[in-house]
Amino acid sequence: MMTRDNQAMVAFATKWSRFGGGDEFILPEFGITPAVFYQRLLAMVTSTLINEIDFPTRMYLMDFCSSKLGRPTARAAAVS
């Protein structure tokens, strides 16, 4: 089950990803750097039970976090 903090991270990323991520708000909001935020979020969306985050949101956040971390996206890895 997702914690309240995990839910807040998913909501934040979903809301701010359309605007580049809102990196300047991550430290004051969550007390961690953007890199740590995206690492934790990526780990969360790849390991959380499927019924807690719908598939399109999961794939979107995996791609978004990967791009923020400078890693190949899930789709790019699947195509390669």
N, C-alpha and C. Protein backbone atom coordinates (compact mmCIF):
# COMPACT_ATOMS: atom_id res chain seq x y z
N MET A 1 0.83 -1.18 0.00
CA MET A 1 0.00 0.00 0.00
C MET A 1 0.89 1.25 0.00
N MET A 2 0.49 2.22 -0.80
CA MET A 2 1.28 3.46 -0.89
C MET A 2 1.06 4.31 0.36
N THR A 3 2.15 4.90 0.83
CA THR A 3 2.05 5.81 1.97
C THR A 3 1.50 7.15 1.50
N ARG A 4 1.15 7.97 2.43
CA ARG A 4 0.69 9.33 2.11
C ARG A 4 1.79 10.11 1.40
N ASP A 5 3.04 9.93 1.83
CA ASP A 5 4.17 10.60 1.17
C ASP A 5 4.33 10.13 -0.28
N ASN A 6 4.19 8.82 -0.50
CA ASN A 6 4.28 8.30 -1.86
C ASN A 6 3.16 8.86 -2.74
N GLN A 7 1.97 8.91 -2.21
CA GLN A 7 0.84 9.48 -2.94
C GLN A 7 1.09 10.94 -3.28
N ALA A 8 1.68 11.67 -2.33
CA ALA A 8 1.99 13.08 -2.56
C ALA A 8 3.04 13.24 -3.66
N MET A 9 4.01 12.35 -3.70
CA MET A 9 5.04 12.41 -4.74
C MET A 9 4.45 12.14 -6.12
N VAL A 10 3.58 11.15 -6.22
CA VAL A 10 2.94 10.84 -7.49
C VAL A 10 2.07 12.01 -7.93
N ALA A 11 1.30 12.57 -7.01
CA ALA A 11 0.43 13.71 -7.35
C ALA A 11 1.26 14.91 -7.79
N PHE A 12 2.34 15.19 -7.08
CA PHE A 12 3.21 16.31 -7.43
C PHE A 12 3.80 16.12 -8.82
N ALA A 13 4.37 14.95 -9.08
CA ALA A 13 5.00 14.69 -10.37
C ALA A 13 4.00 14.74 -11.50
N THR A 14 2.81 14.19 -11.27
CA THR A 14 1.77 14.20 -12.30
C THR A 14 1.35 15.63 -12.61
N LYS A 15 1.20 16.44 -11.58
CA LYS A 15 0.78 17.84 -11.75
C LYS A 15 1.86 18.67 -12.43
N TRP A 16 3.11 18.57 -11.96
CA TRP A 16 4.18 19.46 -12.41
C TRP A 16 4.93 18.99 -13.65
N SER A 17 4.78 17.73 -14.04
CA SER A 17 5.54 17.23 -15.19
C SER A 17 5.20 17.98 -16.47
N ARG A 18 3.99 18.45 -16.59
CA ARG A 18 3.59 19.23 -17.78
C ARG A 18 4.34 20.55 -17.88
N PHE A 19 4.90 21.00 -16.76
CA PHE A 19 5.59 22.29 -16.70
C PHE A 19 7.08 22.12 -16.46
N GLY A 20 7.62 20.96 -16.81
CA GLY A 20 9.05 20.70 -16.65
C GLY A 20 9.42 20.03 -15.35
N GLY A 21 8.48 19.82 -14.47
CA GLY A 21 8.75 19.07 -13.25
C GLY A 21 8.65 19.84 -11.95
N GLY A 22 8.73 21.16 -12.00
CA GLY A 22 8.65 21.95 -10.77
C GLY A 22 9.81 21.67 -9.82
N ASP A 23 11.00 21.43 -10.41
CA ASP A 23 12.16 21.05 -9.59
C ASP A 23 12.44 22.03 -8.45
N GLU A 24 12.18 23.30 -8.68
CA GLU A 24 12.47 24.30 -7.65
C GLU A 24 11.58 24.16 -6.42
N PHE A 25 10.48 23.40 -6.54
CA PHE A 25 9.55 23.21 -5.43
C PHE A 25 9.77 21.89 -4.69
N ILE A 26 10.61 21.01 -5.23
CA ILE A 26 10.79 19.68 -4.63
C ILE A 26 11.47 19.75 -3.27
N LEU A 27 12.57 20.48 -3.16
CA LEU A 27 13.27 20.57 -1.87
C LEU A 27 12.38 21.15 -0.78
N PRO A 28 11.72 22.29 -1.01
CA PRO A 28 10.87 22.81 0.06
C PRO A 28 9.66 21.92 0.38
N GLU A 29 9.14 21.23 -0.62
CA GLU A 29 7.95 20.40 -0.43
C GLU A 29 8.26 19.06 0.23
N PHE A 30 9.37 18.42 -0.21
CA PHE A 30 9.66 17.06 0.23
C PHE A 30 10.95 16.93 1.04
N GLY A 31 11.78 17.98 1.06
CA GLY A 31 13.01 17.94 1.84
C GLY A 31 14.10 17.09 1.23
N ILE A 32 14.00 16.84 -0.08
CA ILE A 32 15.01 16.06 -0.80
C ILE A 32 15.33 16.77 -2.11
N THR A 33 16.49 16.46 -2.67
CA THR A 33 16.87 17.09 -3.93
C THR A 33 16.03 16.50 -5.07
N PRO A 34 15.94 17.22 -6.19
CA PRO A 34 15.20 16.68 -7.33
C PRO A 34 15.72 15.31 -7.79
N ALA A 35 17.04 15.12 -7.80
CA ALA A 35 17.58 13.82 -8.23
C ALA A 35 17.08 12.69 -7.33
N VAL A 36 17.10 12.90 -6.03
CA VAL A 36 16.62 11.88 -5.10
C VAL A 36 15.12 11.67 -5.29
N PHE A 37 14.38 12.76 -5.48
CA PHE A 37 12.94 12.67 -5.72
C PHE A 37 12.64 11.78 -6.91
N TYR A 38 13.32 12.04 -8.04
CA TYR A 38 13.04 11.27 -9.26
C TYR A 38 13.52 9.82 -9.12
N GLN A 39 14.60 9.59 -8.40
CA GLN A 39 15.06 8.21 -8.16
C GLN A 39 14.02 7.45 -7.33
N ARG A 40 13.54 8.07 -6.28
CA ARG A 40 12.54 7.42 -5.42
C ARG A 40 11.23 7.19 -6.18
N LEU A 41 10.82 8.19 -6.93
CA LEU A 41 9.57 8.07 -7.68
C LEU A 41 9.69 6.97 -8.73
N LEU A 42 10.82 6.91 -9.42
CA LEU A 42 11.02 5.86 -10.42
C LEU A 42 10.99 4.49 -9.77
N ALA A 43 11.66 4.33 -8.65
CA ALA A 43 11.64 3.05 -7.93
C ALA A 43 10.22 2.70 -7.50
N MET A 44 9.48 3.70 -7.06
CA MET A 44 8.12 3.48 -6.60
C MET A 44 7.20 3.03 -7.73
N VAL A 45 7.25 3.73 -8.87
CA VAL A 45 6.32 3.39 -9.94
C VAL A 45 6.70 2.08 -10.63
N THR A 46 7.94 1.65 -10.49
CA THR A 46 8.30 0.37 -11.09
C THR A 46 8.01 -0.80 -10.15
N SER A 47 7.80 -0.53 -8.86
CA SER A 47 7.59 -1.62 -7.91
C SER A 47 6.22 -1.62 -7.23
N THR A 48 5.45 -0.54 -7.36
CA THR A 48 4.16 -0.45 -6.70
C THR A 48 3.15 -1.38 -7.36
N LEU A 49 2.26 -1.90 -6.57
CA LEU A 49 1.21 -2.76 -7.10
C LEU A 49 0.42 -2.06 -8.19
N ILE A 50 0.05 -2.80 -9.20
CA ILE A 50 -0.60 -2.23 -10.38
C ILE A 50 -1.91 -1.51 -10.04
N ASN A 51 -2.64 -1.95 -9.02
CA ASN A 51 -3.92 -1.31 -8.72
C ASN A 51 -3.76 0.02 -7.99
N GLU A 52 -2.54 0.37 -7.59
CA GLU A 52 -2.34 1.63 -6.89
C GLU A 52 -2.00 2.78 -7.83
N ILE A 53 -1.40 2.47 -8.97
CA ILE A 53 -1.10 3.49 -9.99
C ILE A 53 -1.52 2.88 -11.33
N ASP A 54 -2.43 3.54 -12.04
CA ASP A 54 -2.88 2.97 -13.30
C ASP A 54 -1.73 2.90 -14.31
N PHE A 55 -1.87 1.99 -15.27
CA PHE A 55 -0.79 1.71 -16.21
C PHE A 55 -0.34 2.93 -17.01
N PRO A 56 -1.25 3.73 -17.60
CA PRO A 56 -0.78 4.90 -18.35
C PRO A 56 0.01 5.88 -17.48
N THR A 57 -0.44 6.11 -16.25
CA THR A 57 0.27 7.01 -15.33
C THR A 57 1.63 6.42 -14.98
N ARG A 58 1.66 5.12 -14.72
CA ARG A 58 2.91 4.43 -14.40
C ARG A 58 3.93 4.60 -15.53
N MET A 59 3.51 4.33 -16.77
CA MET A 59 4.42 4.44 -17.91
C MET A 59 4.87 5.89 -18.12
N TYR A 60 3.93 6.82 -17.99
CA TYR A 60 4.25 8.24 -18.14
C TYR A 60 5.30 8.67 -17.11
N LEU A 61 5.09 8.29 -15.86
CA LEU A 61 6.02 8.69 -14.80
C LEU A 61 7.37 7.98 -14.94
N MET A 62 7.37 6.74 -15.41
CA MET A 62 8.64 6.04 -15.65
C MET A 62 9.45 6.79 -16.71
N ASP A 63 8.79 7.16 -17.80
CA ASP A 63 9.47 7.90 -18.87
C ASP A 63 9.94 9.27 -18.37
N PHE A 64 9.07 9.96 -17.64
CA PHE A 64 9.39 11.30 -17.15
C PHE A 64 10.58 11.26 -16.19
N CYS A 65 10.54 10.35 -15.22
CA CYS A 65 11.63 10.24 -14.25
C CYS A 65 12.94 9.85 -14.95
N SER A 66 12.85 8.92 -15.87
CA SER A 66 14.05 8.50 -16.61
C SER A 66 14.65 9.68 -17.36
N SER A 67 13.81 10.49 -17.99
CA SER A 67 14.34 11.64 -18.72
C SER A 67 14.96 12.67 -17.77
N LYS A 68 14.36 12.86 -16.61
CA LYS A 68 14.91 13.81 -15.63
C LYS A 68 16.25 13.31 -15.08
N LEU A 69 16.41 12.00 -15.01
CA LEU A 69 17.64 11.42 -14.49
C LEU A 69 18.67 11.15 -15.59
N GLY A 70 18.31 11.47 -16.82
CA GLY A 70 19.24 11.27 -17.93
C GLY A 70 19.43 9.83 -18.32
N ARG A 71 18.42 9.00 -18.05
CA ARG A 71 18.47 7.58 -18.38
C ARG A 71 17.58 7.31 -19.59
N PRO A 72 17.85 6.22 -20.31
CA PRO A 72 16.93 5.85 -21.40
C PRO A 72 15.54 5.59 -20.83
N THR A 73 14.53 5.97 -21.57
CA THR A 73 13.16 5.77 -21.09
C THR A 73 12.76 4.31 -21.24
N ALA A 74 11.70 3.93 -20.58
CA ALA A 74 11.22 2.55 -20.65
C ALA A 74 10.87 2.19 -22.08
N ARG A 75 10.26 3.09 -22.81
CA ARG A 75 9.89 2.81 -24.21
C ARG A 75 11.12 2.68 -25.09
N ALA A 76 12.10 3.53 -24.87
CA ALA A 76 13.32 3.47 -25.68
C ALA A 76 14.05 2.15 -25.43
N ALA A 77 14.06 1.70 -24.20
CA ALA A 77 14.71 0.44 -23.88
C ALA A 77 13.96 -0.73 -24.51
N ALA A 78 12.63 -0.64 -24.56
CA ALA A 78 11.81 -1.71 -25.14
C ALA A 78 12.01 -1.78 -26.65
N VAL A 79 12.23 -0.64 -27.29
CA VAL A 79 12.40 -0.59 -28.74
C VAL A 79 13.77 -1.07 -29.16
N SER A 80 14.77 -0.80 -28.34
CA SER A 80 16.17 -1.14 -28.69
C SER A 80 16.39 -2.62 -28.79
